[in-house]
Structure formats: structure tokens, C-alpha cells
Amino acid sequence: MEIKVINEQENLQEVMQVLLTHLEPSKVMKFWATCKLNEGDYLQLKEKLFAQETVASLYTKIQAYQNEA
């Protein structure tokens, strides 16, 4: 039987992306603080999560999210 070992950092990034996709950012950050997930290198994680984003693209996403509410 083979066991696939999941890379913890990759798994955390995937989970955070799912949360950010389906929840408002403030809820994700509260969850993150509650779970003490911020003990790692936030700047490194931020760079990976938002690598393809610009201020304009984030602004557009924020506007779209706010218009849904």
C-alpha cells in the first residue's frame, strides 16, 4: 500500500485559497487568528496567495464581492 505524504505548506495554501474564495476576507483572517495559523511567515504566504494580483485586480474583486451582498 502506498501512502501519499501531503506537503503541509501546499495544503495550507490550498485551504486558505478555498476560504478566501468562499468567505469574506475579514472572516478568513478571524479564523486564521483563532487557529493561530499566522505563526508562519505571513509575507511569504501573502506573496504566494496574491502573486497574480494587482491593486486594480483586487479592487475589482472587492467591488464584485460587495455588489453581491
PDB file of N, CA and C in Angstrom:
ATOM      1  N   MET A   1       0.836  -1.174   0.000  1.00  0.00           N
ATOM      2  CA  MET A   1       0.000   0.000   0.000  1.00  0.00           C
ATOM      3  C   MET A   1       0.888   1.247   0.000  1.00  0.00           C
ATOM      4  N   GLU A   2       0.545   2.193  -0.854  1.00  0.00           N
ATOM      5  CA  GLU A   2       1.298   3.438  -0.922  1.00  0.00           C
ATOM      6  C   GLU A   2       0.583   4.528  -0.125  1.00  0.00           C
ATOM      7  N   ILE A   3       1.364   5.347   0.514  1.00  0.00           N
ATOM      8  CA  ILE A   3       0.821   6.467   1.268  1.00  0.00           C
ATOM      9  C   ILE A   3       1.394   7.741   0.666  1.00  0.00           C
ATOM     10  N   LYS A   4       0.505   8.642   0.287  1.00  0.00           N
ATOM     11  CA  LYS A   4       0.953   9.911  -0.274  1.00  0.00           C
ATOM     12  C   LYS A   4       1.081  10.911   0.879  1.00  0.00           C
ATOM     13  N   VAL A   5       2.258  11.457   1.032  1.00  0.00           N
ATOM     14  CA  VAL A   5       2.504  12.456   2.070  1.00  0.00           C
ATOM     15  C   VAL A   5       2.186  13.832   1.494  1.00  0.00           C
ATOM     16  N   ILE A   6       1.305  14.533   2.179  1.00  0.00           N
ATOM     17  CA  ILE A   6       0.893  15.848   1.719  1.00  0.00           C
ATOM     18  C   ILE A   6       1.835  16.908   2.286  1.00  0.00           C
ATOM     19  N   ASN A   7       2.308  17.768   1.418  1.00  0.00           N
ATOM     20  CA  ASN A   7       3.150  18.874   1.839  1.00  0.00           C
ATOM     21  C   ASN A   7       2.287  19.846   2.643  1.00  0.00           C
ATOM     22  N   GLU A   8       2.660  20.103   3.889  1.00  0.00           N
ATOM     23  CA  GLU A   8       1.848  20.938   4.768  1.00  0.00           C
ATOM     24  C   GLU A   8       1.664  22.349   4.234  1.00  0.00           C
ATOM     25  N   GLN A   9       2.709  22.943   3.725  1.00  0.00           N
ATOM     26  CA  GLN A   9       2.631  24.314   3.217  1.00  0.00           C
ATOM     27  C   GLN A   9       1.703  24.401   2.012  1.00  0.00           C
ATOM     28  N   GLU A  10       1.820  23.456   1.095  1.00  0.00           N
ATOM     29  CA  GLU A  10       0.950  23.458  -0.080  1.00  0.00           C
ATOM     30  C   GLU A  10      -0.496  23.241   0.332  1.00  0.00           C
ATOM     31  N   ASN A  11      -0.709  22.340   1.287  1.00  0.00           N
ATOM     32  CA  ASN A  11      -2.053  22.067   1.775  1.00  0.00           C
ATOM     33  C   ASN A  11      -2.651  23.318   2.418  1.00  0.00           C
ATOM     34  N   LEU A  12      -1.884  24.004   3.243  1.00  0.00           N
ATOM     35  CA  LEU A  12      -2.352  25.220   3.898  1.00  0.00           C
ATOM     36  C   LEU A  12      -2.699  26.293   2.866  1.00  0.00           C
ATOM     37  N   GLN A  13      -1.877  26.438   1.854  1.00  0.00           N
ATOM     38  CA  GLN A  13      -2.147  27.430   0.813  1.00  0.00           C
ATOM     39  C   GLN A  13      -3.443  27.116   0.074  1.00  0.00           C
ATOM     40  N   GLU A  14      -3.658  25.838  -0.223  1.00  0.00           N
ATOM     41  CA  GLU A  14      -4.877  25.440  -0.920  1.00  0.00           C
ATOM     42  C   GLU A  14      -6.112  25.697  -0.049  1.00  0.00           C
ATOM     43  N   VAL A  15      -6.023  25.361   1.218  1.00  0.00           N
ATOM     44  CA  VAL A  15      -7.132  25.590   2.137  1.00  0.00           C
ATOM     45  C   VAL A  15      -7.430  27.081   2.255  1.00  0.00           C
ATOM     46  N   MET A  16      -6.388  27.894   2.395  1.00  0.00           N
ATOM     47  CA  MET A  16      -6.587  29.334   2.511  1.00  0.00           C
ATOM     48  C   MET A  16      -7.217  29.897   1.242  1.00  0.00           C
ATOM     49  N   GLN A  17      -6.834  29.393   0.091  1.00  0.00           N
ATOM     50  CA  GLN A  17      -7.416  29.880  -1.161  1.00  0.00           C
ATOM     51  C   GLN A  17      -8.897  29.533  -1.232  1.00  0.00           C
ATOM     52  N   VAL A  18      -9.269  28.337  -0.789  1.00  0.00           N
ATOM     53  CA  VAL A  18     -10.682  27.948  -0.763  1.00  0.00           C
ATOM     54  C   VAL A  18     -11.459  28.870   0.171  1.00  0.00           C
ATOM     55  N   LEU A  19     -10.909  29.115   1.357  1.00  0.00           N
ATOM     56  CA  LEU A  19     -11.575  30.002   2.310  1.00  0.00           C
ATOM     57  C   LEU A  19     -11.728  31.405   1.734  1.00  0.00           C
ATOM     58  N   LEU A  20     -10.675  31.936   1.126  1.00  0.00           N
ATOM     59  CA  LEU A  20     -10.737  33.288   0.564  1.00  0.00           C
ATOM     60  C   LEU A  20     -11.712  33.379  -0.608  1.00  0.00           C
ATOM     61  N   THR A  21     -11.908  32.270  -1.294  1.00  0.00           N
ATOM     62  CA  THR A  21     -12.844  32.247  -2.414  1.00  0.00           C
ATOM     63  C   THR A  21     -14.292  32.281  -1.931  1.00  0.00           C
ATOM     64  N   HIS A  22     -14.550  31.638  -0.795  1.00  0.00           N
ATOM     65  CA  HIS A  22     -15.927  31.458  -0.347  1.00  0.00           C
ATOM     66  C   HIS A  22     -16.341  32.301   0.861  1.00  0.00           C
ATOM     67  N   LEU A  23     -15.411  32.971   1.487  1.00  0.00           N
ATOM     68  CA  LEU A  23     -15.735  33.802   2.648  1.00  0.00           C
ATOM     69  C   LEU A  23     -15.162  35.194   2.460  1.00  0.00           C
ATOM     70  N   GLU A  24     -15.752  36.157   3.167  1.00  0.00           N
ATOM     71  CA  GLU A  24     -15.187  37.492   3.100  1.00  0.00           C
ATOM     72  C   GLU A  24     -13.844  37.502   3.842  1.00  0.00           C
ATOM     73  N   PRO A  25     -12.910  38.311   3.382  1.00  0.00           N
ATOM     74  CA  PRO A  25     -11.556  38.304   3.944  1.00  0.00           C
ATOM     75  C   PRO A  25     -11.494  38.487   5.459  1.00  0.00           C
ATOM     76  N   SER A  26     -12.374  39.311   6.021  1.00  0.00           N
ATOM     77  CA  SER A  26     -12.328  39.527   7.475  1.00  0.00           C
ATOM     78  C   SER A  26     -12.636  38.244   8.237  1.00  0.00           C
ATOM     79  N   LYS A  27     -13.541  37.416   7.720  1.00  0.00           N
ATOM     80  CA  LYS A  27     -13.861  36.144   8.377  1.00  0.00           C
ATOM     81  C   LYS A  27     -12.693  35.174   8.275  1.00  0.00           C
ATOM     82  N   VAL A  28     -12.033  35.178   7.131  1.00  0.00           N
ATOM     83  CA  VAL A  28     -10.876  34.301   6.961  1.00  0.00           C
ATOM     84  C   VAL A  28      -9.773  34.700   7.933  1.00  0.00           C
ATOM     85  N   MET A  29      -9.534  35.994   8.079  1.00  0.00           N
ATOM     86  CA  MET A  29      -8.485  36.450   8.989  1.00  0.00           C
ATOM     87  C   MET A  29      -8.824  36.152  10.446  1.00  0.00           C
ATOM     88  N   LYS A  30     -10.103  36.271  10.816  1.00  0.00           N
ATOM     89  CA  LYS A  30     -10.505  35.916  12.188  1.00  0.00           C
ATOM     90  C   LYS A  30     -10.282  34.427  12.426  1.00  0.00           C
ATOM     91  N   PHE A  31     -10.647  33.612  11.432  1.00  0.00           N
ATOM     92  CA  PHE A  31     -10.429  32.168  11.539  1.00  0.00           C
ATOM     93  C   PHE A  31      -8.942  31.869  11.664  1.00  0.00           C
ATOM     94  N   TRP A  32      -8.157  32.535  10.833  1.00  0.00           N
ATOM     95  CA  TRP A  32      -6.712  32.358  10.826  1.00  0.00           C
ATOM     96  C   TRP A  32      -6.140  32.684  12.206  1.00  0.00           C
ATOM     97  N   ALA A  33      -6.575  33.790  12.788  1.00  0.00           N
ATOM     98  CA  ALA A  33      -6.094  34.193  14.112  1.00  0.00           C
ATOM     99  C   ALA A  33      -6.514  33.192  15.180  1.00  0.00           C
ATOM    100  N   THR A  34      -7.742  32.709  15.090  1.00  0.00           N
ATOM    101  CA  THR A  34      -8.247  31.750  16.069  1.00  0.00           C
ATOM    102  C   THR A  34      -7.436  30.456  16.036  1.00  0.00           C
ATOM    103  N   CYS A  35      -7.092  30.019  14.857  1.00  0.00           N
ATOM    104  CA  CYS A  35      -6.341  28.766  14.702  1.00  0.00           C
ATOM    105  C   CYS A  35      -4.838  28.972  14.876  1.00  0.00           C
ATOM    106  N   LYS A  36      -4.438  30.214  15.055  1.00  0.00           N
ATOM    107  CA  LYS A  36      -3.025  30.563  15.196  1.00  0.00           C
ATOM    108  C   LYS A  36      -2.206  30.123  13.981  1.00  0.00           C
ATOM    109  N   LEU A  37      -2.821  30.263  12.819  1.00  0.00           N
ATOM    110  CA  LEU A  37      -2.135  29.906  11.581  1.00  0.00           C
ATOM    111  C   LEU A  37      -1.137  30.975  11.177  1.00  0.00           C
ATOM    112  N   ASN A  38      -1.160  32.087  11.869  1.00  0.00           N
ATOM    113  CA  ASN A  38      -0.284  33.189  11.490  1.00  0.00           C
ATOM    114  C   ASN A  38       1.101  33.070  12.107  1.00  0.00           C
ATOM    115  N   GLU A  39       1.436  31.926  12.654  1.00  0.00           N
ATOM    116  CA  GLU A  39       2.748  31.763  13.265  1.00  0.00           C
ATOM    117  C   GLU A  39       3.853  31.531  12.237  1.00  0.00           C
ATOM    118  N   GLY A  40       3.460  31.322  10.971  1.00  0.00           N
ATOM    119  CA  GLY A  40       4.451  31.133   9.931  1.00  0.00           C
ATOM    120  C   GLY A  40       4.900  32.474   9.363  1.00  0.00           C
ATOM    121  N   ASP A  41       5.463  32.445   8.203  1.00  0.00           N
ATOM    122  CA  ASP A  41       5.930  33.655   7.532  1.00  0.00           C
ATOM    123  C   ASP A  41       4.795  34.224   6.685  1.00  0.00           C
ATOM    124  N   TYR A  42       4.059  35.183   7.250  1.00  0.00           N
ATOM    125  CA  TYR A  42       2.911  35.761   6.554  1.00  0.00           C
ATOM    126  C   TYR A  42       3.321  36.398   5.230  1.00  0.00           C
ATOM    127  N   LEU A  43       4.432  37.095   5.205  1.00  0.00           N
ATOM    128  CA  LEU A  43       4.848  37.774   3.978  1.00  0.00           C
ATOM    129  C   LEU A  43       5.092  36.791   2.852  1.00  0.00           C
ATOM    130  N   GLN A  44       5.665  35.650   3.184  1.00  0.00           N
ATOM    131  CA  GLN A  44       5.912  34.631   2.169  1.00  0.00           C
ATOM    132  C   GLN A  44       4.583  34.057   1.672  1.00  0.00           C
ATOM    133  N   LEU A  45       3.666  33.769   2.590  1.00  0.00           N
ATOM    134  CA  LEU A  45       2.360  33.232   2.208  1.00  0.00           C
ATOM    135  C   LEU A  45       1.590  34.257   1.376  1.00  0.00           C
ATOM    136  N   LYS A  46       1.637  35.522   1.787  1.00  0.00           N
ATOM    137  CA  LYS A  46       0.945  36.593   1.062  1.00  0.00           C
ATOM    138  C   LYS A  46       1.450  36.684  -0.378  1.00  0.00           C
ATOM    139  N   GLU A  47       2.750  36.592  -0.542  1.00  0.00           N
ATOM    140  CA  GLU A  47       3.326  36.664  -1.890  1.00  0.00           C
ATOM    141  C   GLU A  47       2.808  35.521  -2.760  1.00  0.00           C
ATOM    142  N   LYS A  48       2.672  34.334  -2.197  1.00  0.00           N
ATOM    143  CA  LYS A  48       2.181  33.185  -2.970  1.00  0.00           C
ATOM    144  C   LYS A  48       0.688  33.306  -3.256  1.00  0.00           C
ATOM    145  N   LEU A  49      -0.096  33.731  -2.261  1.00  0.00           N
ATOM    146  CA  LEU A  49      -1.544  33.836  -2.446  1.00  0.00           C
ATOM    147  C   LEU A  49      -1.925  34.910  -3.456  1.00  0.00           C
ATOM    148  N   PHE A  50      -1.185  36.013  -3.460  1.00  0.00           N
ATOM    149  CA  PHE A  50      -1.545  37.140  -4.308  1.00  0.00           C
ATOM    150  C   PHE A  50      -0.532  37.393  -5.422  1.00  0.00           C
ATOM    151  N   ALA A  51       0.194  36.379  -5.810  1.00  0.00           N
ATOM    152  CA  ALA A  51       1.250  36.529  -6.808  1.00  0.00           C
ATOM    153  C   ALA A  51       0.729  37.060  -8.138  1.00  0.00           C
ATOM    154  N   GLN A  52      -0.471  36.666  -8.525  1.00  0.00           N
ATOM    155  CA  GLN A  52      -1.024  37.064  -9.822  1.00  0.00           C
ATOM    156  C   GLN A  52      -1.905  38.301  -9.728  1.00  0.00           C
ATOM    157  N   GLU A  53      -1.994  38.907  -8.545  1.00  0.00           N
ATOM    158  CA  GLU A  53      -2.902  40.027  -8.325  1.00  0.00           C
ATOM    159  C   GLU A  53      -2.187  41.376  -8.435  1.00  0.00           C
ATOM    160  N   THR A  54      -2.973  42.370  -8.813  1.00  0.00           N
ATOM    161  CA  THR A  54      -2.518  43.757  -8.795  1.00  0.00           C
ATOM    162  C   THR A  54      -3.503  44.532  -7.930  1.00  0.00           C
ATOM    163  N   VAL A  55      -3.194  45.764  -7.625  1.00  0.00           N
ATOM    164  CA  VAL A  55      -4.131  46.588  -6.867  1.00  0.00           C
ATOM    165  C   VAL A  55      -5.447  46.686  -7.636  1.00  0.00           C
ATOM    166  N   ALA A  56      -5.362  46.876  -8.929  1.00  0.00           N
ATOM    167  CA  ALA A  56      -6.566  47.005  -9.757  1.00  0.00           C
ATOM    168  C   ALA A  56      -7.389  45.714  -9.756  1.00  0.00           C
ATOM    169  N   SER A  57      -6.738  44.570  -9.866  1.00  0.00           N
ATOM    170  CA  SER A  57      -7.493  43.306  -9.891  1.00  0.00           C
ATOM    171  C   SER A  57      -8.132  43.025  -8.538  1.00  0.00           C
ATOM    172  N   LEU A  58      -7.435  43.350  -7.455  1.00  0.00           N
ATOM    173  CA  LEU A  58      -8.018  43.162  -6.129  1.00  0.00           C
ATOM    174  C   LEU A  58      -9.189  44.119  -5.922  1.00  0.00           C
ATOM    175  N   TYR A  59      -9.050  45.349  -6.383  1.00  0.00           N
ATOM    176  CA  TYR A  59     -10.128  46.321  -6.270  1.00  0.00           C
ATOM    177  C   TYR A  59     -11.364  45.839  -7.011  1.00  0.00           C
ATOM    178  N   THR A  60     -11.178  45.309  -8.197  1.00  0.00           N
ATOM    179  CA  THR A  60     -12.289  44.785  -8.993  1.00  0.00           C
ATOM    180  C   THR A  60     -12.973  43.634  -8.260  1.00  0.00           C
ATOM    181  N   LYS A  61     -12.182  42.753  -7.669  1.00  0.00           N
ATOM    182  CA  LYS A  61     -12.756  41.626  -6.928  1.00  0.00           C
ATOM    183  C   LYS A  61     -13.502  42.094  -5.685  1.00  0.00           C
ATOM    184  N   ILE A  62     -12.978  43.086  -5.009  1.00  0.00           N
ATOM    185  CA  ILE A  62     -13.644  43.634  -3.820  1.00  0.00           C
ATOM    186  C   ILE A  62     -14.977  44.261  -4.224  1.00  0.00           C
ATOM    187  N   GLN A  63     -14.973  45.029  -5.306  1.00  0.00           N
ATOM    188  CA  GLN A  63     -16.217  45.647  -5.771  1.00  0.00           C
ATOM    189  C   GLN A  63     -17.249  44.583  -6.132  1.00  0.00           C
ATOM    190  N   ALA A  64     -16.834  43.551  -6.852  1.00  0.00           N
ATOM    191  CA  ALA A  64     -17.742  42.481  -7.241  1.00  0.00           C
ATOM    192  C   ALA A  64     -18.307  41.775  -6.009  1.00  0.00           C
ATOM    193  N   TYR A  65     -17.456  41.550  -5.038  1.00  0.00           N
ATOM    194  CA  TYR A  65     -17.897  40.879  -3.793  1.00  0.00           C
ATOM    195  C   TYR A  65     -18.913  41.748  -3.056  1.00  0.00           C
ATOM    196  N   GLN A  66     -18.634  43.036  -2.961  1.00  0.00           N
ATOM    197  CA  GLN A  66     -19.540  43.939  -2.250  1.00  0.00           C
ATOM    198  C   GLN A  66     -20.876  44.098  -2.986  1.00  0.00           C
ATOM    199  N   ASN A  67     -20.846  44.020  -4.292  1.00  0.00           N
ATOM    200  CA  ASN A  67     -22.088  44.137  -5.081  1.00  0.00           C
ATOM    201  C   ASN A  67     -22.960  42.902  -4.939  1.00  0.00           C
ATOM    202  N   GLU A  68     -22.367  41.761  -4.600  1.00  0.00           N
ATOM    203  CA  GLU A  68     -23.135  40.534  -4.400  1.00  0.00           C
ATOM    204  C   GLU A  68     -23.946  40.590  -3.115  1.00  0.00           C
ATOM    205  N   ALA A  69     -23.448  41.331  -2.139  1.00  0.00           N
ATOM    206  CA  ALA A  69     -24.107  41.374  -0.822  1.00  0.00           C
ATOM    207  C   ALA A  69     -25.357  42.203  -0.816  1.00  0.00           C
TER     208      ALA A  69
END
